């Protein structure tokens, strides 16, 4: 009878371990959602060589169900850039930053249309800007 009691107690103690619903793998609620995100439909990767003060402009075409992840990188903090539209004949500034070495910006248009990514060398010497644009859903990219 004492062997049976020891066996029952041992089983009971073994069952008192961690609750499987709260193990670290399942409890990682704050994990980075980008890890599980779908890969981009297309990735544009180019180097733009810009003289001092020179501007290039790319065009995103898309709508509410589309998105783009814009990444710009240079060796010096002289990237001036903005994202803007020209709906109705005016200019709608979406986002602008000056004097950056790196840029990471996710854009989801509020409406269908063309959206312009202006990149400028704000420095006094030539520079190369690494441009990477990840396109999701039906977003399209072209250089102007």
N, C-alpha and C. Protein backbone atom coordinates (compact mmCIF):
# COMPACT_ATOMS: atom_id res chain seq x y z
N UNK A 1 0.82 -1.18 0.00
CA UNK A 1 0.00 0.00 0.00
C UNK A 1 0.87 1.25 0.00
N UNK A 2 2.02 1.22 0.69
CA UNK A 2 2.87 2.40 0.74
C UNK A 2 3.50 2.68 -0.62
N UNK A 3 3.75 1.63 -1.42
CA UNK A 3 4.27 1.85 -2.78
C UNK A 3 3.25 2.59 -3.63
N UNK A 4 1.99 2.24 -3.50
CA UNK A 4 0.93 2.91 -4.25
C UNK A 4 0.83 4.37 -3.83
N UNK A 5 0.94 4.66 -2.57
CA UNK A 5 0.87 6.04 -2.08
C UNK A 5 2.05 6.85 -2.61
N UNK A 6 3.25 6.28 -2.60
CA UNK A 6 4.43 6.97 -3.12
C UNK A 6 4.25 7.24 -4.61
N UNK A 7 3.74 6.29 -5.35
CA UNK A 7 3.51 6.44 -6.79
C UNK A 7 2.51 7.57 -7.06
N UNK A 8 1.40 7.60 -6.31
CA UNK A 8 0.38 8.63 -6.49
C UNK A 8 0.96 10.01 -6.17
N UNK A 9 1.74 10.12 -5.10
CA UNK A 9 2.36 11.39 -4.73
C UNK A 9 3.35 11.83 -5.81
N UNK A 10 4.14 10.90 -6.34
CA UNK A 10 5.11 11.22 -7.38
C UNK A 10 4.42 11.73 -8.64
N UNK A 11 3.33 11.10 -9.04
CA UNK A 11 2.56 11.55 -10.20
C UNK A 11 1.99 12.94 -9.94
N UNK A 12 1.48 13.15 -8.76
CA UNK A 12 0.92 14.46 -8.41
C UNK A 12 1.97 15.56 -8.45
N UNK A 13 3.17 15.29 -7.96
CA UNK A 13 4.24 16.28 -8.00
C UNK A 13 4.69 16.56 -9.43
N UNK A 14 4.75 15.54 -10.23
CA UNK A 14 5.16 15.72 -11.63
C UNK A 14 4.15 16.57 -12.38
N UNK A 15 2.89 16.45 -12.05
CA UNK A 15 1.85 17.22 -12.73
C UNK A 15 1.79 18.66 -12.26
N UNK A 16 2.53 19.02 -11.20
CA UNK A 16 2.50 20.38 -10.67
C UNK A 16 3.52 21.28 -11.35
N UNK A 17 4.06 20.89 -12.46
CA UNK A 17 5.05 21.70 -13.17
C UNK A 17 4.40 22.93 -13.78
N UNK A 18 5.12 23.56 -14.72
CA UNK A 18 4.60 24.76 -15.36
C UNK A 18 3.32 24.49 -16.12
N UNK A 19 2.48 25.47 -16.15
CA UNK A 19 1.27 25.41 -16.96
C UNK A 19 1.71 25.55 -18.41
N UNK A 20 1.42 24.59 -19.27
CA UNK A 20 1.87 24.66 -20.65
C UNK A 20 1.36 25.90 -21.38
N UNK A 21 0.28 26.50 -20.93
CA UNK A 21 -0.24 27.68 -21.61
C UNK A 21 0.61 28.91 -21.35
N UNK A 22 1.52 28.85 -20.37
CA UNK A 22 2.34 30.02 -20.07
C UNK A 22 3.82 29.77 -20.28
N UNK A 23 4.18 28.79 -21.06
CA UNK A 23 5.59 28.56 -21.34
C UNK A 23 6.12 29.74 -22.14
N UNK A 24 7.41 30.03 -22.07
CA UNK A 24 7.96 31.19 -22.75
C UNK A 24 7.63 31.26 -24.24
N UNK A 25 7.60 30.14 -24.94
CA UNK A 25 7.30 30.17 -26.37
C UNK A 25 5.89 30.67 -26.63
N UNK A 26 4.94 30.28 -25.78
CA UNK A 26 3.56 30.71 -25.98
C UNK A 26 3.29 32.07 -25.37
N UNK A 27 4.08 32.49 -24.41
CA UNK A 27 3.80 33.72 -23.70
C UNK A 27 4.44 34.94 -24.36
N UNK A 28 5.11 34.78 -25.47
CA UNK A 28 5.80 35.90 -26.13
C UNK A 28 4.82 36.78 -26.88
N UNK A 29 3.93 37.41 -26.14
CA UNK A 29 2.91 38.27 -26.74
C UNK A 29 3.53 39.49 -27.38
N UNK A 30 4.62 40.00 -26.80
CA UNK A 30 5.23 41.21 -27.32
C UNK A 30 6.30 40.94 -28.38
N UNK A 31 6.27 39.78 -29.00
CA UNK A 31 7.24 39.46 -30.04
C UNK A 31 7.06 40.40 -31.22
N UNK A 32 8.13 40.60 -31.97
CA UNK A 32 8.10 41.49 -33.12
C UNK A 32 7.15 40.93 -34.19
N UNK A 33 6.06 41.66 -34.52
CA UNK A 33 5.12 41.15 -35.52
C UNK A 33 5.72 41.06 -36.91
N UNK A 34 6.80 41.81 -37.19
CA UNK A 34 7.41 41.76 -38.51
C UNK A 34 7.99 40.39 -38.82
N UNK A 35 8.31 39.63 -37.78
CA UNK A 35 8.86 38.29 -37.99
C UNK A 35 7.85 37.41 -38.72
N UNK A 36 6.58 37.56 -38.39
CA UNK A 36 5.54 36.74 -39.00
C UNK A 36 4.90 37.40 -40.22
N UNK A 37 5.31 38.62 -40.56
CA UNK A 37 4.70 39.34 -41.67
C UNK A 37 5.08 38.67 -43.00
N UNK A 38 4.20 38.81 -43.96
CA UNK A 38 4.46 38.27 -45.29
C UNK A 38 5.63 39.01 -45.92
N UNK A 39 6.41 38.34 -46.74
CA UNK A 39 7.52 39.02 -47.42
C UNK A 39 6.98 40.00 -48.46
N UNK A 40 7.78 40.99 -48.84
CA UNK A 40 7.31 41.93 -49.86
C UNK A 40 7.08 41.22 -51.19
N UNK A 41 6.15 41.76 -51.96
CA UNK A 41 5.88 41.23 -53.29
C UNK A 41 7.05 41.52 -54.22
N UNK A 42 7.68 42.68 -54.00
CA UNK A 42 8.82 43.09 -54.82
C UNK A 42 9.73 43.98 -53.97
N UNK A 43 11.03 43.90 -54.21
CA UNK A 43 11.98 44.77 -53.53
C UNK A 43 12.81 45.49 -54.57
N UNK A 44 12.85 46.81 -54.47
CA UNK A 44 13.67 47.64 -55.34
C UNK A 44 14.92 47.99 -54.56
N UNK A 45 16.09 47.71 -55.13
CA UNK A 45 17.36 48.04 -54.47
C UNK A 45 18.26 48.70 -55.50
N UNK A 46 18.64 49.95 -55.23
CA UNK A 46 19.49 50.69 -56.14
C UNK A 46 20.38 51.64 -55.36
N UNK A 47 21.47 52.05 -55.99
CA UNK A 47 22.32 53.09 -55.44
C UNK A 47 22.14 54.33 -56.30
N UNK A 48 21.83 55.45 -55.67
CA UNK A 48 21.71 56.72 -56.37
C UNK A 48 22.92 57.57 -56.00
N UNK A 49 23.75 57.89 -56.99
CA UNK A 49 24.91 58.77 -56.78
C UNK A 49 24.46 60.21 -57.01
N UNK A 50 24.57 61.02 -55.97
CA UNK A 50 24.05 62.39 -56.04
C UNK A 50 25.17 63.40 -55.79
N UNK A 51 25.24 64.41 -56.66
CA UNK A 51 26.14 65.53 -56.43
C UNK A 51 25.55 66.40 -55.32
N UNK A 52 26.35 67.30 -54.79
CA UNK A 52 25.87 68.20 -53.74
C UNK A 52 24.63 68.95 -54.23
N UNK A 53 23.56 68.89 -53.46
CA UNK A 53 22.32 69.58 -53.81
C UNK A 53 21.44 68.87 -54.83
N UNK A 54 21.91 67.77 -55.41
CA UNK A 54 21.14 67.07 -56.44
C UNK A 54 19.93 66.34 -55.85
N UNK A 55 18.87 66.27 -56.66
CA UNK A 55 17.61 65.64 -56.25
C UNK A 55 17.25 64.53 -57.23
N UNK A 56 16.74 63.42 -56.71
CA UNK A 56 16.09 62.39 -57.51
C UNK A 56 14.72 62.15 -56.90
N UNK A 57 13.82 61.62 -57.73
CA UNK A 57 12.46 61.39 -57.23
C UNK A 57 11.92 60.07 -57.76
N UNK A 58 11.39 59.28 -56.84
CA UNK A 58 10.72 58.04 -57.19
C UNK A 58 9.23 58.21 -56.99
N UNK A 59 8.46 57.38 -57.68
CA UNK A 59 7.01 57.48 -57.59
C UNK A 59 6.44 56.15 -57.12
N UNK A 60 5.67 56.21 -56.03
CA UNK A 60 4.91 55.07 -55.54
C UNK A 60 3.49 55.21 -56.07
N UNK A 61 2.95 54.14 -56.63
CA UNK A 61 1.56 54.15 -57.08
C UNK A 61 0.83 53.06 -56.32
N UNK A 62 -0.23 53.47 -55.60
CA UNK A 62 -0.96 52.49 -54.81
C UNK A 62 -2.16 53.10 -54.14
N UNK A 63 -2.77 52.29 -53.28
CA UNK A 63 -3.97 52.71 -52.58
C UNK A 63 -4.00 52.17 -51.16
N UNK A 64 -5.18 52.22 -50.56
CA UNK A 64 -5.36 51.90 -49.14
C UNK A 64 -4.95 50.49 -48.74
N UNK A 65 -4.98 49.55 -49.65
CA UNK A 65 -4.62 48.17 -49.31
C UNK A 65 -3.16 47.86 -49.62
N UNK A 66 -2.41 48.87 -50.05
CA UNK A 66 -1.01 48.70 -50.43
C UNK A 66 -0.11 49.35 -49.38
N UNK A 67 1.17 49.00 -49.42
CA UNK A 67 2.12 49.66 -48.53
C UNK A 67 3.53 49.54 -49.10
N UNK A 68 4.40 50.41 -48.59
CA UNK A 68 5.80 50.40 -48.98
C UNK A 68 6.65 50.67 -47.75
N UNK A 69 7.74 49.94 -47.64
CA UNK A 69 8.73 50.19 -46.60
C UNK A 69 9.94 50.82 -47.28
N UNK A 70 10.20 52.08 -46.95
CA UNK A 70 11.27 52.85 -47.58
C UNK A 70 12.49 52.84 -46.66
N UNK A 71 13.64 52.43 -47.20
CA UNK A 71 14.89 52.45 -46.44
C UNK A 71 15.93 53.19 -47.28
N UNK A 72 16.51 54.24 -46.71
CA UNK A 72 17.57 55.01 -47.35
C UNK A 72 18.77 54.99 -46.42
N UNK A 73 19.97 54.94 -47.01
CA UNK A 73 21.17 54.89 -46.19
C UNK A 73 22.33 55.55 -46.93
N UNK A 74 23.12 56.36 -46.19
CA UNK A 74 24.30 57.01 -46.75
C UNK A 74 25.41 56.99 -45.70
N UNK A 75 26.63 57.32 -46.12
CA UNK A 75 27.76 57.32 -45.19
C UNK A 75 27.82 58.59 -44.35
N UNK A 76 27.10 59.61 -44.74
CA UNK A 76 27.08 60.87 -43.99
C UNK A 76 25.63 61.27 -43.72
N UNK A 77 25.39 62.04 -42.67
CA UNK A 77 24.01 62.44 -42.34
C UNK A 77 23.55 63.64 -43.17
N UNK A 78 23.48 63.42 -44.48
CA UNK A 78 23.10 64.52 -45.38
C UNK A 78 21.95 64.14 -46.31
N UNK A 79 21.19 63.11 -45.95
CA UNK A 79 20.01 62.76 -46.75
C UNK A 79 18.87 63.68 -46.32
N UNK A 80 18.37 64.46 -47.26
CA UNK A 80 17.13 65.20 -47.08
C UNK A 80 16.10 64.47 -47.93
N UNK A 81 14.93 64.21 -47.38
CA UNK A 81 13.95 63.46 -48.16
C UNK A 81 12.55 63.84 -47.72
N UNK A 82 11.61 63.62 -48.61
CA UNK A 82 10.21 63.76 -48.23
C UNK A 82 9.34 62.85 -49.07
N UNK A 83 8.14 62.65 -48.57
CA UNK A 83 7.10 61.89 -49.25
C UNK A 83 5.93 62.84 -49.40
N UNK A 84 5.48 63.04 -50.64
CA UNK A 84 4.41 64.00 -50.88
C UNK A 84 3.53 63.55 -52.04
N UNK A 85 2.38 64.18 -52.16
CA UNK A 85 1.45 63.92 -53.25
C UNK A 85 1.09 65.21 -53.96
N UNK A 86 0.43 65.07 -55.10
CA UNK A 86 0.00 66.24 -55.88
C UNK A 86 -1.46 66.11 -56.27
N UNK A 87 -2.29 65.59 -55.38
CA UNK A 87 -3.72 65.45 -55.69
C UNK A 87 -4.38 66.81 -55.81
N UNK A 88 -5.22 66.97 -56.82
CA UNK A 88 -5.98 68.20 -57.00
C UNK A 88 -5.13 69.40 -57.37
N UNK A 89 -3.92 69.18 -57.86
CA UNK A 89 -3.08 70.28 -58.31
C UNK A 89 -2.21 70.89 -57.22
N UNK A 90 -2.46 70.58 -55.96
CA UNK A 90 -1.64 71.12 -54.87
C UNK A 90 -0.55 70.13 -54.48
N UNK A 91 0.12 70.43 -53.39
CA UNK A 91 1.13 69.52 -52.85
C UNK A 91 0.73 69.16 -51.43
N UNK A 92 0.64 67.86 -51.16
CA UNK A 92 0.32 67.36 -49.83
C UNK A 92 1.57 66.70 -49.26
N UNK A 93 2.16 67.34 -48.24
CA UNK A 93 3.36 66.79 -47.61
C UNK A 93 2.93 65.70 -46.63
N UNK A 94 3.42 64.49 -46.84
CA UNK A 94 3.09 63.36 -45.97
C UNK A 94 4.12 63.26 -44.84
N UNK A 95 5.41 63.34 -45.20
CA UNK A 95 6.48 63.19 -44.20
C UNK A 95 7.74 63.81 -44.77
N UNK A 96 8.54 64.43 -43.91
CA UNK A 96 9.81 65.03 -44.35
C UNK A 96 10.84 64.93 -43.23
N UNK A 97 12.09 64.65 -43.63
CA UNK A 97 13.21 64.63 -42.70
C UNK A 97 14.44 65.21 -43.40
N UNK A 98 15.26 65.91 -42.64
CA UNK A 98 16.47 66.53 -43.17
C UNK A 98 17.69 66.04 -42.39
N UNK A 99 18.84 65.96 -43.08
CA UNK A 99 20.09 65.62 -42.42
C UNK A 99 20.14 64.23 -41.81
N UNK A 100 19.64 63.25 -42.50
CA UNK A 100 19.59 61.88 -41.98
C UNK A 100 20.71 61.03 -42.61
N UNK A 101 21.19 60.06 -41.83
CA UNK A 101 22.13 59.07 -42.35
C UNK A 101 21.38 57.82 -42.77
N UNK A 102 20.33 57.48 -42.03
CA UNK A 102 19.46 56.35 -42.39
C UNK A 102 18.01 56.77 -42.22
N UNK A 103 17.18 56.17 -43.04
CA UNK A 103 15.74 56.42 -43.01
C UNK A 103 15.04 55.07 -43.08
N UNK A 104 14.06 54.87 -42.22
CA UNK A 104 13.16 53.72 -42.30
C UNK A 104 11.76 54.26 -42.11
N UNK A 105 10.93 54.13 -43.14
CA UNK A 105 9.59 54.70 -43.09
C UNK A 105 8.62 53.76 -43.79
N UNK A 106 7.53 53.44 -43.13
CA UNK A 106 6.49 52.61 -43.73
C UNK A 106 5.35 53.51 -44.15
N UNK A 107 4.90 53.35 -45.40
CA UNK A 107 3.84 54.19 -45.92
C UNK A 107 2.67 53.35 -46.42
N UNK A 108 1.49 53.70 -45.93
CA UNK A 108 0.23 53.13 -46.40
C UNK A 108 -0.62 54.31 -46.87
N UNK A 109 -0.88 54.41 -48.17
CA UNK A 109 -1.64 55.56 -48.68
C UNK A 109 -3.04 55.64 -48.10
N UNK A 110 -3.51 56.87 -47.89
CA UNK A 110 -4.87 57.09 -47.41
C UNK A 110 -5.87 57.00 -48.56
N UNK A 111 -5.38 57.12 -49.79
CA UNK A 111 -6.25 57.04 -50.96
C UNK A 111 -5.43 56.56 -52.15
N UNK A 112 -6.10 56.22 -53.24
CA UNK A 112 -5.42 55.79 -54.45
C UNK A 112 -4.69 56.97 -55.08
N UNK A 113 -3.53 56.70 -55.66
CA UNK A 113 -2.83 57.78 -56.35
C UNK A 113 -1.35 57.53 -56.47
N UNK A 114 -0.66 58.57 -56.94
CA UNK A 114 0.80 58.57 -57.03
C UNK A 114 1.34 59.36 -55.85
N UNK A 115 2.40 58.85 -55.25
CA UNK A 115 3.03 59.47 -54.10
C UNK A 115 4.52 59.56 -54.41
N UNK A 116 5.11 60.72 -54.19
CA UNK A 116 6.46 61.01 -54.65
C UNK A 116 7.46 60.98 -53.50
N UNK A 117 8.54 60.22 -53.70
CA UNK A 117 9.63 60.14 -52.73
C UNK A 117 10.79 60.96 -53.29
N UNK A 118 11.00 62.14 -52.71
CA UNK A 118 12.06 63.03 -53.14
C UNK A 118 13.27 62.80 -52.25
N UNK A 119 14.43 62.56 -52.87
CA UNK A 119 15.68 62.32 -52.15
C UNK A 119 16.68 63.37 -52.61
N UNK A 120 17.27 64.09 -51.65
CA UNK A 120 18.21 65.17 -51.97
C UNK A 120 19.50 65.00 -51.18
N UNK A 121 20.62 65.28 -51.84
CA UNK A 121 21.91 65.35 -51.15
C UNK A 121 21.99 66.73 -50.51
N UNK A 122 21.82 66.79 -49.21
CA UNK A 122 21.88 68.06 -48.49
C UNK A 122 23.28 68.47 -48.10
N UNK A 123 24.27 67.72 -48.53
CA UNK A 123 25.66 68.02 -48.18
C UNK A 123 26.37 68.84 -49.24
N UNK A 124 27.68 69.04 -49.02
CA UNK A 124 28.49 69.85 -49.93
C UNK A 124 29.40 69.01 -50.81
N UNK A 125 29.35 67.69 -50.66
CA UNK A 125 30.15 66.79 -51.50
C UNK A 125 29.25 65.70 -52.07
N UNK A 126 29.75 65.02 -53.09
CA UNK A 126 28.99 63.92 -53.69
C UNK A 126 28.74 62.83 -52.66
N UNK A 127 27.65 62.10 -52.85
CA UNK A 127 27.35 60.98 -51.95
C UNK A 127 26.56 59.92 -52.69
N UNK A 128 26.64 58.69 -52.19
CA UNK A 128 25.83 57.58 -52.69
C UNK A 128 24.75 57.30 -51.66
N UNK A 129 23.53 57.17 -52.13
CA UNK A 129 22.41 56.81 -51.26
C UNK A 129 21.94 55.41 -51.66
N UNK A 130 21.98 54.49 -50.70
CA UNK A 130 21.44 53.15 -50.92
C UNK A 130 19.93 53.24 -50.74
N UNK A 131 19.19 52.87 -51.76
CA UNK A 131 17.73 52.96 -51.74
C UNK A 131 17.17 51.54 -51.78
N UNK A 132 16.32 51.26 -50.81
CA UNK A 132 15.61 49.97 -50.79
C UNK A 132 14.15 50.28 -50.52
N UNK A 133 13.29 49.78 -51.39
CA UNK A 133 11.85 49.97 -51.22
C UNK A 133 11.19 48.60 -51.32
N UNK A 134 10.61 48.15 -50.21
CA UNK A 134 9.85 46.89 -50.19
C UNK A 134 8.40 47.22 -50.51
N UNK A 135 7.87 46.56 -51.53
CA UNK A 135 6.50 46.83 -52.00
C UNK A 135 5.58 45.69 -51.60
N UNK A 136 4.44 46.05 -51.02
CA UNK A 136 3.46 45.07 -50.55
C UNK A 136 2.14 45.27 -51.28
N UNK A 137 1.40 44.16 -51.45
CA UNK A 137 0.12 44.14 -52.17
C UNK A 137 0.37 44.63 -53.59
N UNK A 138 -0.34 45.67 -54.05
CA UNK A 138 -0.20 46.11 -55.44
C UNK A 138 0.60 47.40 -55.60
N UNK A 139 1.32 47.80 -54.55
CA UNK A 139 2.12 49.03 -54.64
C UNK A 139 3.16 48.87 -55.75
N UNK A 140 3.36 49.93 -56.53
CA UNK A 140 4.34 49.93 -57.62
C UNK A 140 5.34 51.07 -57.41
N UNK A 141 6.52 50.93 -58.00
CA UNK A 141 7.59 51.94 -57.88
C UNK A 141 8.20 52.18 -59.24
N UNK A 142 8.53 53.44 -59.50
CA UNK A 142 9.30 53.80 -60.69
C UNK A 142 10.05 55.09 -60.40
N UNK A 143 11.18 55.28 -61.09
CA UNK A 143 11.92 56.54 -60.97
C UNK A 143 11.33 57.54 -61.94
N UNK A 144 11.28 58.78 -61.54
CA UNK A 144 10.76 59.83 -62.43
C UNK A 144 11.86 60.28 -63.36
